[in-house]
Amino acid sequence: MINDTPPAIGDTPPADAAPYVILVEEVIPFGADDHHWQLMDAVPVDGDRAAAEDRARTLALEHVPMDVHVRHGATPARNVYRTPDGSWLLEVTVPTALAPALARITVAEHVHAQEYVPPPEPSSTRKGRLFRRG
């Protein structure tokens, strides 16, 4: 459901709006010294917020971040933290990794989406005159 106007403070979401489970992972490009966080998935959950919280908890206990390469049959080491805002922070490691992989899982409400709007076409009065002489 696309909602063009953000809800006012205190507004309740529409009855048919599904909560989302949001997965964000820390991404460290190979050979780079920098890193960034990237939205990996945003999944609507059938049911209420409690169902989304259950799905987020399951994901926190089972998800293996993209940068973790686990040998078949192995289980990576995992630390899972529940933060005061209700989100989950994962730290997943394997012996061959240079650093632990981090991920964050949050339950969220989708409140706005904007379709791409292309810019207006340029004025045709000067079109094609850049390289003309005389």
N, C-alpha and C. Protein backbone atom coordinates (compact mmCIF):
# COMPACT_ATOMS: atom_id res chain seq x y z
N MET A 1 0.84 -1.17 0.00
CA MET A 1 0.00 0.00 0.00
C MET A 1 0.88 1.23 0.00
N ILE A 2 0.68 2.13 -0.93
CA ILE A 2 1.47 3.35 -1.00
C ILE A 2 0.67 4.46 -0.36
N ASN A 3 1.27 5.15 0.58
CA ASN A 3 0.63 6.24 1.29
C ASN A 3 1.38 7.51 0.95
N ASP A 4 0.70 8.46 0.29
CA ASP A 4 1.37 9.68 -0.16
C ASP A 4 1.57 10.71 0.94
N THR A 5 0.82 10.62 2.01
CA THR A 5 0.99 11.60 3.08
C THR A 5 1.40 10.88 4.35
N PRO A 6 2.43 11.37 5.03
CA PRO A 6 2.84 10.72 6.27
C PRO A 6 1.77 10.91 7.33
N PRO A 7 1.61 9.95 8.22
CA PRO A 7 0.60 10.08 9.26
C PRO A 7 0.99 11.17 10.24
N ALA A 8 -0.02 11.84 10.79
CA ALA A 8 0.24 12.83 11.82
C ALA A 8 0.61 12.11 13.10
N ILE A 9 1.27 12.82 13.98
CA ILE A 9 1.65 12.22 15.26
C ILE A 9 0.39 11.76 15.98
N GLY A 10 0.39 10.54 16.42
CA GLY A 10 -0.76 9.99 17.12
C GLY A 10 -1.71 9.24 16.22
N ASP A 11 -1.58 9.39 14.89
CA ASP A 11 -2.43 8.64 13.96
C ASP A 11 -2.09 7.16 14.04
N THR A 12 -3.09 6.33 13.85
CA THR A 12 -2.84 4.89 13.81
C THR A 12 -2.73 4.47 12.35
N PRO A 13 -1.95 3.44 12.06
CA PRO A 13 -1.82 3.00 10.68
C PRO A 13 -3.15 2.45 10.18
N PRO A 14 -3.36 2.44 8.86
CA PRO A 14 -4.59 1.85 8.32
C PRO A 14 -4.72 0.40 8.77
N ALA A 15 -5.97 -0.05 8.90
CA ALA A 15 -6.22 -1.41 9.40
C ALA A 15 -5.60 -2.47 8.50
N ASP A 16 -5.47 -2.19 7.19
CA ASP A 16 -4.93 -3.19 6.28
C ASP A 16 -3.43 -3.07 6.09
N ALA A 17 -2.78 -2.15 6.78
CA ALA A 17 -1.33 -1.98 6.64
C ALA A 17 -0.61 -3.09 7.41
N ALA A 18 0.28 -3.79 6.73
CA ALA A 18 1.03 -4.86 7.37
C ALA A 18 2.32 -4.31 7.95
N PRO A 19 2.73 -4.80 9.11
CA PRO A 19 4.06 -4.41 9.61
C PRO A 19 5.13 -5.06 8.74
N TYR A 20 6.29 -4.47 8.72
CA TYR A 20 7.41 -4.97 7.94
C TYR A 20 8.54 -5.40 8.86
N VAL A 21 9.28 -6.42 8.44
CA VAL A 21 10.54 -6.77 9.09
C VAL A 21 11.63 -6.25 8.16
N ILE A 22 12.49 -5.39 8.71
CA ILE A 22 13.54 -4.73 7.95
C ILE A 22 14.88 -5.36 8.32
N LEU A 23 15.66 -5.74 7.31
CA LEU A 23 16.98 -6.32 7.52
C LEU A 23 18.03 -5.39 6.92
N VAL A 24 18.95 -4.93 7.76
CA VAL A 24 20.04 -4.06 7.34
C VAL A 24 21.34 -4.75 7.73
N GLU A 25 22.30 -4.80 6.79
CA GLU A 25 23.59 -5.43 7.07
C GLU A 25 24.73 -4.45 6.86
N GLU A 26 25.78 -4.63 7.65
CA GLU A 26 27.01 -3.88 7.44
C GLU A 26 27.72 -4.51 6.24
N VAL A 27 28.11 -3.68 5.29
CA VAL A 27 28.77 -4.16 4.08
C VAL A 27 30.17 -3.57 4.04
N ILE A 28 31.17 -4.44 3.90
CA ILE A 28 32.57 -4.01 3.79
C ILE A 28 33.07 -4.50 2.45
N PRO A 29 33.21 -3.60 1.46
CA PRO A 29 33.70 -4.04 0.15
C PRO A 29 35.08 -4.67 0.27
N PHE A 30 35.32 -5.74 -0.50
CA PHE A 30 36.60 -6.45 -0.45
C PHE A 30 37.74 -5.51 -0.77
N GLY A 31 38.73 -5.48 0.08
CA GLY A 31 39.91 -4.66 -0.12
C GLY A 31 39.72 -3.20 0.26
N ALA A 32 38.56 -2.85 0.77
CA ALA A 32 38.30 -1.45 1.13
C ALA A 32 38.43 -1.27 2.64
N ASP A 33 38.80 -0.06 3.03
CA ASP A 33 38.91 0.25 4.45
C ASP A 33 37.61 0.79 5.03
N ASP A 34 36.69 1.17 4.17
CA ASP A 34 35.45 1.75 4.66
C ASP A 34 34.33 0.71 4.67
N HIS A 35 33.22 1.07 5.25
CA HIS A 35 32.05 0.20 5.28
C HIS A 35 30.81 1.06 5.28
N HIS A 36 29.67 0.43 5.03
CA HIS A 36 28.40 1.14 5.10
C HIS A 36 27.30 0.13 5.46
N TRP A 37 26.17 0.65 5.86
CA TRP A 37 25.02 -0.19 6.16
C TRP A 37 24.11 -0.18 4.94
N GLN A 38 23.55 -1.34 4.60
CA GLN A 38 22.73 -1.45 3.40
C GLN A 38 21.43 -2.18 3.72
N LEU A 39 20.33 -1.64 3.22
CA LEU A 39 19.04 -2.31 3.36
C LEU A 39 19.07 -3.56 2.48
N MET A 40 18.94 -4.72 3.10
CA MET A 40 19.00 -5.97 2.36
C MET A 40 17.60 -6.49 2.02
N ASP A 41 16.64 -6.24 2.90
CA ASP A 41 15.29 -6.74 2.66
C ASP A 41 14.29 -5.99 3.53
N ALA A 42 13.09 -5.83 3.02
CA ALA A 42 11.96 -5.27 3.75
C ALA A 42 10.76 -6.13 3.40
N VAL A 43 10.33 -6.95 4.34
CA VAL A 43 9.31 -7.97 4.07
C VAL A 43 8.03 -7.67 4.84
N PRO A 44 6.89 -7.53 4.14
CA PRO A 44 5.63 -7.37 4.87
C PRO A 44 5.27 -8.69 5.57
N VAL A 45 4.72 -8.57 6.76
CA VAL A 45 4.36 -9.76 7.54
C VAL A 45 2.85 -9.81 7.67
N ASP A 46 2.26 -10.95 7.33
CA ASP A 46 0.82 -11.12 7.53
C ASP A 46 0.56 -11.18 9.03
N GLY A 47 -0.43 -10.44 9.48
CA GLY A 47 -0.76 -10.44 10.89
C GLY A 47 -0.47 -9.10 11.53
N ASP A 48 -0.43 -9.11 12.84
CA ASP A 48 -0.23 -7.87 13.58
C ASP A 48 1.24 -7.67 13.94
N ARG A 49 1.50 -6.66 14.75
CA ARG A 49 2.88 -6.35 15.14
C ARG A 49 3.51 -7.50 15.92
N ALA A 50 2.72 -8.20 16.72
CA ALA A 50 3.25 -9.34 17.49
C ALA A 50 3.77 -10.43 16.54
N ALA A 51 3.06 -10.65 15.44
CA ALA A 51 3.53 -11.64 14.45
C ALA A 51 4.83 -11.17 13.82
N ALA A 52 4.94 -9.87 13.56
CA ALA A 52 6.18 -9.33 13.00
C ALA A 52 7.32 -9.43 13.99
N GLU A 53 7.05 -9.20 15.28
CA GLU A 53 8.08 -9.34 16.32
C GLU A 53 8.57 -10.79 16.38
N ASP A 54 7.66 -11.75 16.29
CA ASP A 54 8.05 -13.16 16.29
C ASP A 54 8.92 -13.49 15.07
N ARG A 55 8.54 -12.96 13.91
CA ARG A 55 9.33 -13.19 12.69
C ARG A 55 10.71 -12.56 12.81
N ALA A 56 10.78 -11.36 13.39
CA ALA A 56 12.07 -10.69 13.58
C ALA A 56 12.97 -11.49 14.52
N ARG A 57 12.39 -12.02 15.59
CA ARG A 57 13.17 -12.83 16.54
C ARG A 57 13.71 -14.08 15.86
N THR A 58 12.87 -14.77 15.09
CA THR A 58 13.31 -15.96 14.37
C THR A 58 14.44 -15.62 13.41
N LEU A 59 14.28 -14.53 12.68
CA LEU A 59 15.32 -14.10 11.74
C LEU A 59 16.62 -13.78 12.47
N ALA A 60 16.52 -13.14 13.64
CA ALA A 60 17.72 -12.81 14.42
C ALA A 60 18.47 -14.06 14.86
N LEU A 61 17.76 -15.11 15.14
CA LEU A 61 18.39 -16.35 15.61
C LEU A 61 18.88 -17.24 14.48
N GLU A 62 18.44 -16.98 13.23
CA GLU A 62 18.79 -17.87 12.13
C GLU A 62 19.54 -17.22 10.98
N HIS A 63 19.41 -15.93 10.79
CA HIS A 63 19.97 -15.26 9.61
C HIS A 63 21.50 -15.30 9.60
N VAL A 64 22.05 -15.57 8.43
CA VAL A 64 23.50 -15.51 8.21
C VAL A 64 23.75 -14.36 7.24
N PRO A 65 24.45 -13.31 7.68
CA PRO A 65 24.70 -12.16 6.80
C PRO A 65 25.42 -12.55 5.51
N MET A 66 25.23 -11.73 4.50
CA MET A 66 25.76 -11.98 3.17
C MET A 66 27.28 -12.20 3.17
N ASP A 67 28.01 -11.49 4.00
CA ASP A 67 29.48 -11.58 4.00
C ASP A 67 30.03 -12.77 4.75
N VAL A 68 29.18 -13.59 5.37
CA VAL A 68 29.63 -14.76 6.12
C VAL A 68 29.51 -15.99 5.22
N HIS A 69 30.63 -16.66 5.01
CA HIS A 69 30.64 -17.86 4.17
C HIS A 69 30.84 -19.07 5.08
N VAL A 70 29.78 -19.85 5.22
CA VAL A 70 29.77 -20.99 6.14
C VAL A 70 29.91 -22.28 5.34
N ARG A 71 30.83 -23.12 5.79
CA ARG A 71 30.99 -24.43 5.15
C ARG A 71 29.75 -25.27 5.39
N HIS A 72 29.43 -26.11 4.42
CA HIS A 72 28.26 -26.98 4.50
C HIS A 72 28.30 -27.80 5.79
N GLY A 73 27.24 -27.74 6.56
CA GLY A 73 27.14 -28.50 7.80
C GLY A 73 27.63 -27.75 9.02
N ALA A 74 28.31 -26.62 8.84
CA ALA A 74 28.82 -25.84 9.97
C ALA A 74 27.77 -24.83 10.44
N THR A 75 27.90 -24.41 11.68
CA THR A 75 27.04 -23.37 12.24
C THR A 75 27.93 -22.23 12.71
N PRO A 76 27.69 -21.01 12.23
CA PRO A 76 28.54 -19.90 12.64
C PRO A 76 28.30 -19.51 14.10
N ALA A 77 29.31 -18.89 14.71
CA ALA A 77 29.15 -18.35 16.05
C ALA A 77 28.23 -17.13 15.95
N ARG A 78 27.42 -16.90 16.97
CA ARG A 78 26.42 -15.84 16.88
C ARG A 78 26.19 -15.21 18.25
N ASN A 79 26.17 -13.90 18.29
CA ASN A 79 25.71 -13.14 19.44
C ASN A 79 24.51 -12.33 18.98
N VAL A 80 23.42 -12.41 19.73
CA VAL A 80 22.20 -11.68 19.39
C VAL A 80 21.85 -10.77 20.56
N TYR A 81 21.60 -9.51 20.24
CA TYR A 81 21.28 -8.51 21.26
C TYR A 81 19.92 -7.89 20.94
N ARG A 82 19.11 -7.69 21.97
CA ARG A 82 17.84 -6.97 21.83
C ARG A 82 18.07 -5.57 22.38
N THR A 83 17.88 -4.56 21.55
CA THR A 83 18.15 -3.19 21.96
C THR A 83 16.91 -2.56 22.60
N PRO A 84 17.08 -1.47 23.35
CA PRO A 84 15.93 -0.85 24.02
C PRO A 84 14.81 -0.41 23.07
N ASP A 85 15.14 -0.11 21.81
CA ASP A 85 14.10 0.31 20.87
C ASP A 85 13.36 -0.89 20.26
N GLY A 86 13.73 -2.11 20.65
CA GLY A 86 13.04 -3.30 20.17
C GLY A 86 13.66 -3.97 18.97
N SER A 87 14.74 -3.42 18.44
CA SER A 87 15.39 -4.05 17.29
C SER A 87 16.39 -5.09 17.78
N TRP A 88 16.89 -5.87 16.84
CA TRP A 88 17.85 -6.93 17.13
C TRP A 88 19.17 -6.61 16.45
N LEU A 89 20.27 -6.81 17.14
CA LEU A 89 21.60 -6.63 16.57
C LEU A 89 22.29 -7.98 16.59
N LEU A 90 22.80 -8.40 15.42
CA LEU A 90 23.47 -9.70 15.30
C LEU A 90 24.95 -9.49 15.06
N GLU A 91 25.73 -10.37 15.65
CA GLU A 91 27.17 -10.44 15.38
C GLU A 91 27.44 -11.91 15.05
N VAL A 92 27.79 -12.16 13.79
CA VAL A 92 27.97 -13.54 13.31
C VAL A 92 29.40 -13.71 12.84
N THR A 93 30.06 -14.79 13.29
CA THR A 93 31.45 -15.01 12.91
C THR A 93 31.70 -16.47 12.54
N VAL A 94 32.72 -16.64 11.73
CA VAL A 94 33.26 -17.96 11.42
C VAL A 94 34.78 -17.84 11.58
N PRO A 95 35.49 -18.96 11.83
CA PRO A 95 36.93 -18.88 12.08
C PRO A 95 37.73 -18.25 10.94
N THR A 96 37.26 -18.36 9.71
CA THR A 96 38.02 -17.83 8.58
C THR A 96 37.76 -16.35 8.31
N ALA A 97 36.83 -15.73 9.02
CA ALA A 97 36.49 -14.32 8.78
C ALA A 97 37.50 -13.40 9.44
N LEU A 98 37.76 -12.28 8.79
CA LEU A 98 38.66 -11.27 9.35
C LEU A 98 37.99 -10.48 10.47
N ALA A 99 36.68 -10.34 10.39
CA ALA A 99 35.93 -9.59 11.40
C ALA A 99 34.51 -10.15 11.46
N PRO A 100 33.82 -9.94 12.56
CA PRO A 100 32.43 -10.40 12.63
C PRO A 100 31.55 -9.64 11.64
N ALA A 101 30.53 -10.30 11.14
CA ALA A 101 29.54 -9.64 10.29
C ALA A 101 28.41 -9.14 11.18
N LEU A 102 27.95 -7.94 10.91
CA LEU A 102 26.90 -7.33 11.72
C LEU A 102 25.63 -7.16 10.90
N ALA A 103 24.49 -7.34 11.56
CA ALA A 103 23.19 -7.12 10.93
C ALA A 103 22.25 -6.56 11.98
N ARG A 104 21.26 -5.82 11.51
CA ARG A 104 20.25 -5.27 12.40
C ARG A 104 18.88 -5.61 11.82
N ILE A 105 17.98 -6.06 12.69
CA ILE A 105 16.63 -6.43 12.28
C ILE A 105 15.65 -5.60 13.10
N THR A 106 14.71 -4.98 12.40
CA THR A 106 13.77 -4.07 13.03
C THR A 106 12.37 -4.34 12.50
N VAL A 107 11.38 -4.14 13.34
CA VAL A 107 9.99 -4.16 12.89
C VAL A 107 9.59 -2.72 12.64
N ALA A 108 9.00 -2.47 11.47
CA ALA A 108 8.68 -1.10 11.09
C ALA A 108 7.33 -1.02 10.40
N GLU A 109 6.82 0.19 10.31
CA GLU A 109 5.59 0.48 9.59
C GLU A 109 5.94 1.26 8.34
N HIS A 110 5.47 0.81 7.20
CA HIS A 110 5.71 1.51 5.94
C HIS A 110 4.77 2.70 5.87
N VAL A 111 5.30 3.92 5.90
CA VAL A 111 4.44 5.10 5.96
C VAL A 111 4.45 5.95 4.69
N HIS A 112 5.41 5.73 3.78
CA HIS A 112 5.45 6.58 2.59
C HIS A 112 6.26 5.91 1.49
N ALA A 113 5.84 6.12 0.26
CA ALA A 113 6.61 5.70 -0.91
C ALA A 113 6.41 6.75 -1.99
N GLN A 114 7.44 7.03 -2.73
CA GLN A 114 7.38 8.02 -3.80
C GLN A 114 7.86 7.37 -5.08
N GLU A 115 7.05 7.41 -6.12
CA GLU A 115 7.46 6.91 -7.42
C GLU A 115 8.45 7.89 -8.04
N TYR A 116 9.32 7.41 -8.91
CA TYR A 116 10.27 8.26 -9.61
C TYR A 116 9.52 9.17 -10.57
N VAL A 117 9.87 10.45 -10.55
CA VAL A 117 9.30 11.42 -11.48
C VAL A 117 10.47 12.00 -12.26
N PRO A 118 10.51 11.78 -13.58
CA PRO A 118 11.64 12.30 -14.37
C PRO A 118 11.57 13.83 -14.46
N PRO A 119 12.70 14.46 -14.72
CA PRO A 119 12.69 15.92 -14.86
C PRO A 119 11.96 16.32 -16.14
N PRO A 120 11.50 17.56 -16.22
CA PRO A 120 10.84 17.99 -17.45
C PRO A 120 11.83 18.03 -18.61
N GLU A 121 11.30 17.86 -19.81
CA GLU A 121 12.14 17.92 -21.01
C GLU A 121 12.73 19.32 -21.13
N PRO A 122 13.98 19.43 -21.60
CA PRO A 122 14.57 20.76 -21.76
C PRO A 122 13.85 21.54 -22.86
N SER A 123 13.94 22.84 -22.75
CA SER A 123 13.33 23.72 -23.74
C SER A 123 13.96 23.47 -25.10
N SER A 124 13.15 23.46 -26.16
CA SER A 124 13.67 23.15 -27.49
C SER A 124 14.25 24.37 -28.20
N THR A 125 14.22 25.55 -27.58
CA THR A 125 14.70 26.75 -28.26
C THR A 125 16.20 26.72 -28.50
N ARG A 126 16.96 26.05 -27.66
CA ARG A 126 18.41 26.02 -27.81
C ARG A 126 18.90 24.63 -28.19
N LYS A 127 18.00 23.74 -28.44
CA LYS A 127 18.35 22.35 -28.72
C LYS A 127 19.18 22.25 -30.00
N GLY A 128 20.31 21.58 -29.96
CA GLY A 128 21.14 21.33 -31.12
C GLY A 128 22.01 22.48 -31.56
N ARG A 129 22.12 23.53 -30.79
CA ARG A 129 22.89 24.69 -31.21
C ARG A 129 24.29 24.70 -30.60
N LEU A 130 24.62 23.73 -29.84
CA LEU A 130 25.90 23.73 -29.14
C LEU A 130 27.09 23.74 -30.08
N PHE A 131 27.05 22.98 -31.15
CA PHE A 131 28.20 22.87 -32.05
C PHE A 131 27.99 23.52 -33.41
N ARG A 132 26.92 24.24 -33.61
CA ARG A 132 26.67 24.90 -34.90
C ARG A 132 27.46 26.20 -35.01
N ARG A 133 27.85 26.50 -36.23
CA ARG A 133 28.51 27.78 -36.49
C ARG A 133 27.57 28.65 -37.32
N GLY A 134 27.67 29.95 -37.08
CA GLY A 134 26.95 30.92 -37.89
C GLY A 134 25.53 30.87 -37.78
